Amino acid sequence: MRKKRIDYDTILACKRGDSDAFKRVLEHYDKMINQAATRTTRDESGKEVTFVDPEMKQNIQQTLMLQIYLKYDHLAGPPENDNSKKKGSC
């Protein structure tokens, strides 16, 4: 099942520094962030161990928050829905 998109108002709230909005964004992307921060190593007996690296997860979360806060262009407005594009247009 595909997750709903984060609503535009939540992104705007992040741009204003709203900590609750950031929390909602991080919860929305938590599964994807965990997948990206998953590492596999071997323990002392040689058995493979897979785990979410907390430092890597925190780094990804911080990068996401900074990108929204510092780089998202809220003046451009919400992105167009893919279904709204006309056939044959780029």
Protein backbone atom coordinates (compact mmCIF):
# COMPACT_ATOMS: atom_id res chain seq x y z
CA MET A 1 0.00 0.00 0.00
CA ARG A 2 1.33 3.38 -1.01
CA LYS A 3 1.56 6.10 1.62
CA LYS A 4 -0.16 9.40 1.12
CA ARG A 5 2.00 12.38 0.35
CA ILE A 6 2.83 14.85 3.07
CA ASP A 7 0.46 17.77 2.70
CA TYR A 8 1.79 21.12 1.55
CA ASP A 9 0.77 22.87 4.79
CA THR A 10 3.02 20.52 6.77
CA ILE A 11 5.99 21.42 4.55
CA LEU A 12 5.22 25.12 5.00
CA ALA A 13 5.06 24.59 8.77
CA CYS A 14 8.52 22.99 8.60
CA LYS A 15 9.79 26.07 6.76
CA ARG A 16 8.53 28.14 9.72
CA GLY A 17 10.42 25.84 12.11
CA ASP A 18 7.38 24.01 13.54
CA SER A 19 8.77 21.05 15.51
CA ASP A 20 5.47 19.13 15.34
CA ALA A 21 5.51 19.38 11.54
CA PHE A 22 9.09 18.07 11.44
CA LYS A 23 8.00 15.21 13.69
CA ARG A 24 5.21 14.31 11.23
CA VAL A 25 7.64 14.39 8.30
CA LEU A 26 10.13 12.16 10.13
CA GLU A 27 7.37 9.71 11.08
CA HIS A 28 6.20 9.65 7.46
CA TYR A 29 9.69 8.75 6.19
CA ASP A 30 10.76 6.58 9.15
CA LYS A 31 10.57 3.24 7.32
CA MET A 32 12.55 4.58 4.35
CA ILE A 33 15.13 6.17 6.63
CA ASN A 34 15.52 2.92 8.59
CA GLN A 35 16.10 1.03 5.34
CA ALA A 36 18.76 3.53 4.27
CA ALA A 37 20.45 3.38 7.69
CA THR A 38 20.50 -0.42 7.90
CA ARG A 39 23.93 -2.03 8.13
CA THR A 40 25.07 -5.60 8.13
CA THR A 41 28.13 -6.75 10.02
CA ARG A 42 29.46 -9.95 11.55
CA ASP A 43 29.63 -10.70 15.25
CA GLU A 44 32.49 -12.48 17.04
CA SER A 45 31.23 -15.92 15.95
CA GLY A 46 31.00 -14.86 12.29
CA LYS A 47 27.20 -14.66 12.20
CA GLU A 48 25.72 -11.85 10.10
CA VAL A 49 23.94 -9.21 12.15
CA THR A 50 21.69 -6.59 10.55
CA PHE A 51 20.76 -3.44 12.47
CA VAL A 52 19.73 0.19 12.06
CA ASP A 53 22.79 2.35 12.69
CA PRO A 54 21.53 5.12 15.02
CA GLU A 55 24.21 7.61 13.94
CA MET A 56 23.45 7.07 10.27
CA LYS A 57 19.71 7.38 10.94
CA GLN A 58 20.20 10.64 12.83
CA ASN A 59 22.39 11.99 10.02
CA ILE A 60 19.73 11.18 7.41
CA GLN A 61 17.01 12.77 9.55
CA GLN A 62 19.07 15.92 10.08
CA THR A 63 19.84 16.17 6.37
CA LEU A 64 16.15 15.81 5.49
CA MET A 65 15.15 18.50 7.99
CA LEU A 66 17.87 20.88 6.79
CA GLN A 67 16.95 20.38 3.15
CA ILE A 68 13.31 21.20 3.86
CA TYR A 69 14.12 24.15 6.11
CA LEU A 70 16.94 25.70 4.09
CA LYS A 71 16.40 24.66 0.48
CA TYR A 72 12.72 24.00 -0.17
CA ASP A 73 11.33 26.83 -2.29
CA HIS A 74 7.95 27.51 -0.74
CA LEU A 75 7.35 30.40 -3.13
CA ALA A 76 7.21 27.98 -6.08
CA GLY A 77 4.05 26.41 -4.65
CA PRO A 78 3.13 22.76 -4.38
CA PRO A 79 4.36 20.42 -7.13
CA GLU A 80 1.92 19.62 -9.88
CA ASN A 81 0.15 16.29 -9.74
CA ASP A 82 1.58 13.88 -12.35
CA ASN A 83 -1.97 13.18 -13.57
CA SER A 84 -2.46 16.83 -14.47
CA LYS A 85 0.23 16.79 -17.20
CA LYS A 86 -1.00 16.71 -20.76
CA LYS A 87 0.04 13.83 -22.99
CA GLY A 88 3.04 14.64 -25.12
CA SER A 89 4.33 17.37 -22.82
CA CYS A 90 7.66 17.17 -21.04
